[in-house]
């Protein structure tokens, strides 16, 4: 586990979650430009996350925890949604799973 890989994961997660958020906002507000921008961000996420040269399973196993964490935080602070205790617990399970994947390699 190196810092550069986690920085790449963070950038990729911002692109993926942000792209989804833009598409969601575009659909709700009927704004095609937001939808297209969101689609470009989602395509960029795929390019960025795959710059880390790990085995695919290890790569996505760790990335899912970063993505899920950012997704929950976006839901809470960007969309002002209430996050339930089971969601926080599930997120915790994902993070623990990512740690197991990393330590086990």
N, C-alpha and C. Protein backbone atom coordinates (compact mmCIF):
# COMPACT_ATOMS: atom_id res chain seq x y z
N UNK A 1 0.86 -1.18 0.00
CA UNK A 1 0.00 0.00 0.00
C UNK A 1 0.90 1.24 0.00
N UNK A 2 0.77 2.04 -1.03
CA UNK A 2 1.54 3.26 -1.02
C UNK A 2 0.62 4.48 -1.13
N UNK A 3 1.17 5.60 -0.73
CA UNK A 3 0.38 6.83 -0.70
C UNK A 3 -0.13 7.22 -2.08
N UNK A 4 0.71 7.05 -3.10
CA UNK A 4 0.32 7.44 -4.46
C UNK A 4 -0.92 6.69 -4.93
N UNK A 5 -0.98 5.40 -4.63
CA UNK A 5 -2.15 4.61 -5.03
C UNK A 5 -3.41 5.13 -4.36
N UNK A 6 -3.33 5.45 -3.08
CA UNK A 6 -4.50 5.96 -2.37
C UNK A 6 -4.90 7.33 -2.88
N UNK A 7 -3.94 8.14 -3.28
CA UNK A 7 -4.25 9.45 -3.87
C UNK A 7 -4.98 9.26 -5.20
N UNK A 8 -4.53 8.29 -6.00
CA UNK A 8 -5.21 7.98 -7.27
C UNK A 8 -6.63 7.51 -6.99
N UNK A 9 -6.80 6.66 -5.99
CA UNK A 9 -8.13 6.19 -5.62
C UNK A 9 -9.04 7.35 -5.25
N UNK A 10 -8.51 8.30 -4.51
CA UNK A 10 -9.31 9.46 -4.09
C UNK A 10 -9.74 10.28 -5.31
N UNK A 11 -8.81 10.54 -6.23
CA UNK A 11 -9.15 11.29 -7.45
C UNK A 11 -10.19 10.53 -8.25
N UNK A 12 -10.00 9.22 -8.41
CA UNK A 12 -10.95 8.40 -9.16
C UNK A 12 -12.32 8.41 -8.50
N UNK A 13 -12.36 8.33 -7.18
CA UNK A 13 -13.64 8.33 -6.47
C UNK A 13 -14.35 9.67 -6.63
N UNK A 14 -13.60 10.77 -6.60
CA UNK A 14 -14.21 12.09 -6.80
C UNK A 14 -14.82 12.15 -8.21
N UNK A 15 -14.10 11.62 -9.19
CA UNK A 15 -14.63 11.62 -10.56
C UNK A 15 -15.88 10.74 -10.67
N UNK A 16 -15.84 9.56 -10.05
CA UNK A 16 -16.99 8.65 -10.16
C UNK A 16 -18.20 9.17 -9.39
N UNK A 17 -17.99 9.53 -8.15
CA UNK A 17 -19.12 10.03 -7.34
C UNK A 17 -19.59 11.37 -7.90
N UNK A 18 -18.66 12.24 -8.26
CA UNK A 18 -19.03 13.53 -8.83
C UNK A 18 -19.77 13.37 -10.15
N UNK A 19 -19.32 12.45 -10.99
CA UNK A 19 -20.01 12.18 -12.25
C UNK A 19 -21.42 11.71 -12.03
N UNK A 20 -21.59 10.79 -11.08
CA UNK A 20 -22.94 10.32 -10.75
C UNK A 20 -23.80 11.46 -10.19
N UNK A 21 -23.20 12.29 -9.37
CA UNK A 21 -23.95 13.42 -8.80
C UNK A 21 -24.37 14.40 -9.89
N UNK A 22 -23.48 14.65 -10.87
CA UNK A 22 -23.84 15.54 -11.97
C UNK A 22 -24.97 14.96 -12.81
N UNK A 23 -24.90 13.67 -13.09
CA UNK A 23 -25.98 13.04 -13.85
C UNK A 23 -27.29 13.10 -13.08
N UNK A 24 -27.22 12.84 -11.79
CA UNK A 24 -28.43 12.90 -10.95
C UNK A 24 -29.04 14.31 -10.98
N UNK A 25 -28.19 15.31 -10.81
CA UNK A 25 -28.68 16.70 -10.84
C UNK A 25 -29.21 17.05 -12.22
N UNK A 26 -28.53 16.58 -13.27
CA UNK A 26 -28.99 16.86 -14.63
C UNK A 26 -30.33 16.24 -14.93
N UNK A 27 -30.55 15.02 -14.47
CA UNK A 27 -31.84 14.36 -14.67
C UNK A 27 -32.96 15.05 -13.91
N UNK A 28 -32.65 15.46 -12.70
CA UNK A 28 -33.67 16.14 -11.89
C UNK A 28 -34.00 17.53 -12.41
N UNK A 29 -33.00 18.21 -12.98
CA UNK A 29 -33.22 19.56 -13.48
C UNK A 29 -33.37 19.63 -14.99
N UNK A 30 -33.38 18.46 -15.63
CA UNK A 30 -33.50 18.38 -17.09
C UNK A 30 -32.45 19.25 -17.78
N UNK A 31 -31.19 19.06 -17.39
CA UNK A 31 -30.07 19.82 -17.97
C UNK A 31 -29.10 18.86 -18.62
N UNK A 32 -29.12 18.84 -19.91
CA UNK A 32 -28.30 17.91 -20.69
C UNK A 32 -26.81 18.15 -20.47
N UNK A 33 -26.41 19.39 -20.28
CA UNK A 33 -24.98 19.68 -20.09
C UNK A 33 -24.44 19.00 -18.82
N UNK A 34 -25.24 18.96 -17.77
CA UNK A 34 -24.80 18.28 -16.55
C UNK A 34 -24.68 16.78 -16.79
N UNK A 35 -25.60 16.22 -17.54
CA UNK A 35 -25.58 14.79 -17.83
C UNK A 35 -24.34 14.44 -18.64
N UNK A 36 -24.03 15.22 -19.66
CA UNK A 36 -22.86 14.97 -20.50
C UNK A 36 -21.58 15.15 -19.69
N UNK A 37 -21.51 16.18 -18.88
CA UNK A 37 -20.33 16.40 -18.04
C UNK A 37 -20.15 15.24 -17.07
N UNK A 38 -21.24 14.77 -16.50
CA UNK A 38 -21.18 13.62 -15.60
C UNK A 38 -20.69 12.37 -16.31
N UNK A 39 -21.14 12.16 -17.53
CA UNK A 39 -20.69 11.00 -18.30
C UNK A 39 -19.20 11.07 -18.60
N UNK A 40 -18.71 12.25 -18.91
CA UNK A 40 -17.27 12.43 -19.14
C UNK A 40 -16.46 12.16 -17.87
N UNK A 41 -16.99 12.61 -16.74
CA UNK A 41 -16.30 12.36 -15.46
C UNK A 41 -16.27 10.86 -15.17
N UNK A 42 -17.36 10.16 -15.47
CA UNK A 42 -17.38 8.71 -15.24
C UNK A 42 -16.39 7.98 -16.13
N UNK A 43 -16.28 8.40 -17.38
CA UNK A 43 -15.29 7.80 -18.28
C UNK A 43 -13.87 8.08 -17.77
N UNK A 44 -13.65 9.27 -17.27
CA UNK A 44 -12.33 9.64 -16.75
C UNK A 44 -11.96 8.82 -15.52
N UNK A 45 -12.95 8.50 -14.70
CA UNK A 45 -12.69 7.68 -13.51
C UNK A 45 -12.06 6.36 -13.92
N UNK A 46 -12.61 5.72 -14.95
CA UNK A 46 -12.08 4.43 -15.39
C UNK A 46 -10.64 4.51 -15.84
N UNK A 47 -10.30 5.60 -16.48
CA UNK A 47 -8.91 5.79 -16.91
C UNK A 47 -7.99 6.02 -15.71
N UNK A 48 -8.43 6.83 -14.78
CA UNK A 48 -7.59 7.17 -13.63
C UNK A 48 -7.37 5.97 -12.71
N UNK A 49 -8.44 5.27 -12.36
CA UNK A 49 -8.31 4.19 -11.38
C UNK A 49 -7.40 3.07 -11.91
N UNK A 50 -7.37 2.89 -13.21
CA UNK A 50 -6.56 1.81 -13.77
C UNK A 50 -5.10 2.18 -13.99
N UNK A 51 -4.69 3.37 -13.55
CA UNK A 51 -3.26 3.71 -13.61
C UNK A 51 -2.49 3.03 -12.49
N UNK A 52 -3.19 2.58 -11.46
CA UNK A 52 -2.53 1.84 -10.38
C UNK A 52 -2.28 0.42 -10.88
N UNK A 53 -1.06 -0.02 -10.83
CA UNK A 53 -0.69 -1.32 -11.40
C UNK A 53 -0.73 -2.42 -10.34
N UNK A 54 -1.94 -2.70 -9.87
CA UNK A 54 -2.17 -3.81 -8.95
C UNK A 54 -2.99 -4.85 -9.68
N UNK A 55 -3.08 -6.05 -9.12
CA UNK A 55 -4.00 -7.04 -9.65
C UNK A 55 -5.40 -6.44 -9.63
N UNK A 56 -6.20 -6.77 -10.63
CA UNK A 56 -7.52 -6.16 -10.79
C UNK A 56 -8.39 -6.35 -9.54
N UNK A 57 -8.41 -7.56 -8.99
CA UNK A 57 -9.24 -7.83 -7.80
C UNK A 57 -8.78 -6.99 -6.61
N UNK A 58 -7.49 -6.91 -6.42
CA UNK A 58 -6.95 -6.11 -5.31
C UNK A 58 -7.25 -4.63 -5.53
N UNK A 59 -7.07 -4.19 -6.76
CA UNK A 59 -7.33 -2.79 -7.12
C UNK A 59 -8.76 -2.40 -6.80
N UNK A 60 -9.71 -3.14 -7.34
CA UNK A 60 -11.11 -2.77 -7.12
C UNK A 60 -11.58 -3.08 -5.71
N UNK A 61 -11.01 -4.10 -5.08
CA UNK A 61 -11.36 -4.40 -3.70
C UNK A 61 -11.05 -3.24 -2.77
N UNK A 62 -9.91 -2.61 -2.99
CA UNK A 62 -9.54 -1.45 -2.17
C UNK A 62 -10.31 -0.21 -2.61
N UNK A 63 -10.45 -0.04 -3.92
CA UNK A 63 -11.11 1.16 -4.44
C UNK A 63 -12.56 1.26 -3.99
N UNK A 64 -13.25 0.12 -3.92
CA UNK A 64 -14.67 0.13 -3.53
C UNK A 64 -14.86 0.81 -2.18
N UNK A 65 -13.96 0.60 -1.25
CA UNK A 65 -14.08 1.22 0.07
C UNK A 65 -13.95 2.74 -0.04
N UNK A 66 -13.01 3.20 -0.87
CA UNK A 66 -12.84 4.65 -1.05
C UNK A 66 -14.08 5.24 -1.72
N UNK A 67 -14.55 4.56 -2.79
CA UNK A 67 -15.73 5.02 -3.51
C UNK A 67 -16.96 5.07 -2.60
N UNK A 68 -17.18 4.00 -1.85
CA UNK A 68 -18.36 3.94 -0.97
C UNK A 68 -18.30 5.03 0.10
N UNK A 69 -17.11 5.24 0.66
CA UNK A 69 -16.96 6.28 1.68
C UNK A 69 -17.30 7.65 1.12
N UNK A 70 -16.76 7.94 -0.05
CA UNK A 70 -17.04 9.24 -0.66
C UNK A 70 -18.51 9.35 -1.07
N UNK A 71 -19.09 8.24 -1.51
CA UNK A 71 -20.51 8.25 -1.88
C UNK A 71 -21.42 8.58 -0.71
N UNK A 72 -21.13 7.98 0.43
CA UNK A 72 -21.93 8.26 1.63
C UNK A 72 -21.75 9.72 2.05
N UNK A 73 -20.53 10.20 1.99
CA UNK A 73 -20.27 11.60 2.37
C UNK A 73 -20.94 12.58 1.40
N UNK A 74 -20.92 12.27 0.10
CA UNK A 74 -21.63 13.11 -0.88
C UNK A 74 -23.13 13.12 -0.57
N UNK A 75 -23.69 11.94 -0.31
CA UNK A 75 -25.11 11.87 0.01
C UNK A 75 -25.46 12.72 1.21
N UNK A 76 -24.61 12.65 2.22
CA UNK A 76 -24.86 13.38 3.46
C UNK A 76 -24.68 14.88 3.31
N UNK A 77 -23.56 15.31 2.70
CA UNK A 77 -23.23 16.73 2.71
C UNK A 77 -23.58 17.47 1.42
N UNK A 78 -23.59 16.81 0.29
CA UNK A 78 -23.93 17.48 -0.96
C UNK A 78 -25.43 17.45 -1.19
N UNK A 79 -26.03 16.25 -1.04
CA UNK A 79 -27.48 16.11 -1.26
C UNK A 79 -28.28 16.28 0.02
N UNK A 80 -27.58 16.47 1.15
CA UNK A 80 -28.21 16.70 2.44
C UNK A 80 -29.20 15.60 2.84
N UNK A 81 -28.79 14.35 2.53
CA UNK A 81 -29.61 13.20 2.88
C UNK A 81 -29.23 12.70 4.26
N UNK A 82 -30.17 12.10 4.93
CA UNK A 82 -29.89 11.48 6.22
C UNK A 82 -29.28 10.10 5.96
N UNK A 83 -28.18 9.81 6.63
CA UNK A 83 -27.52 8.52 6.45
C UNK A 83 -27.86 7.65 7.65
N UNK A 84 -28.45 6.50 7.38
CA UNK A 84 -28.91 5.63 8.46
C UNK A 84 -27.75 4.87 9.11
N UNK A 85 -27.99 4.39 10.31
CA UNK A 85 -26.99 3.60 11.02
C UNK A 85 -26.60 2.33 10.25
N UNK A 86 -27.57 1.61 9.64
CA UNK A 86 -27.15 0.45 8.83
C UNK A 86 -26.23 0.82 7.66
N UNK A 87 -26.41 2.00 7.09
CA UNK A 87 -25.51 2.44 6.01
C UNK A 87 -24.11 2.67 6.55
N UNK A 88 -24.00 3.34 7.70
CA UNK A 88 -22.69 3.55 8.31
C UNK A 88 -22.03 2.22 8.65
N UNK A 89 -22.82 1.28 9.17
CA UNK A 89 -22.27 -0.03 9.52
C UNK A 89 -21.80 -0.77 8.26
N UNK A 90 -22.59 -0.73 7.20
CA UNK A 90 -22.20 -1.36 5.95
C UNK A 90 -20.93 -0.75 5.38
N UNK A 91 -20.81 0.57 5.49
CA UNK A 91 -19.60 1.25 5.04
C UNK A 91 -18.40 0.78 5.85
N UNK A 92 -18.59 0.64 7.14
CA UNK A 92 -17.52 0.14 8.01
C UNK A 92 -17.08 -1.26 7.56
N UNK A 93 -18.05 -2.13 7.22
CA UNK A 93 -17.72 -3.47 6.74
C UNK A 93 -16.90 -3.42 5.45
N UNK A 94 -17.26 -2.51 4.55
CA UNK A 94 -16.50 -2.36 3.31
C UNK A 94 -15.06 -1.92 3.57
N UNK A 95 -14.90 -0.97 4.48
CA UNK A 95 -13.55 -0.48 4.80
C UNK A 95 -12.73 -1.60 5.44
N UNK A 96 -13.32 -2.34 6.35
CA UNK A 96 -12.61 -3.46 6.98
C UNK A 96 -12.25 -4.49 5.91
N UNK A 97 -13.16 -4.76 4.99
CA UNK A 97 -12.87 -5.70 3.90
C UNK A 97 -11.71 -5.24 3.05
N UNK A 98 -11.64 -3.95 2.75
CA UNK A 98 -10.53 -3.42 1.96
C UNK A 98 -9.21 -3.58 2.71
N UNK A 99 -9.25 -3.38 4.01
CA UNK A 99 -8.03 -3.56 4.82
C UNK A 99 -7.59 -5.01 4.77
N UNK A 100 -8.52 -5.93 4.88
CA UNK A 100 -8.19 -7.37 4.80
C UNK A 100 -7.56 -7.68 3.45
N UNK A 101 -8.12 -7.14 2.38
CA UNK A 101 -7.57 -7.38 1.04
C UNK A 101 -6.14 -6.86 0.95
N UNK A 102 -5.89 -5.69 1.50
CA UNK A 102 -4.56 -5.10 1.42
C UNK A 102 -3.55 -5.82 2.31
N UNK A 103 -3.94 -6.17 3.50
CA UNK A 103 -3.03 -6.83 4.43
C UNK A 103 -2.73 -8.26 3.96
N UNK A 104 -3.70 -8.87 3.33
CA UNK A 104 -3.55 -10.25 2.87
C UNK A 104 -2.65 -10.40 1.66
N UNK A 105 -2.29 -9.32 1.02
CA UNK A 105 -1.46 -9.40 -0.19
C UNK A 105 0.00 -9.31 0.14
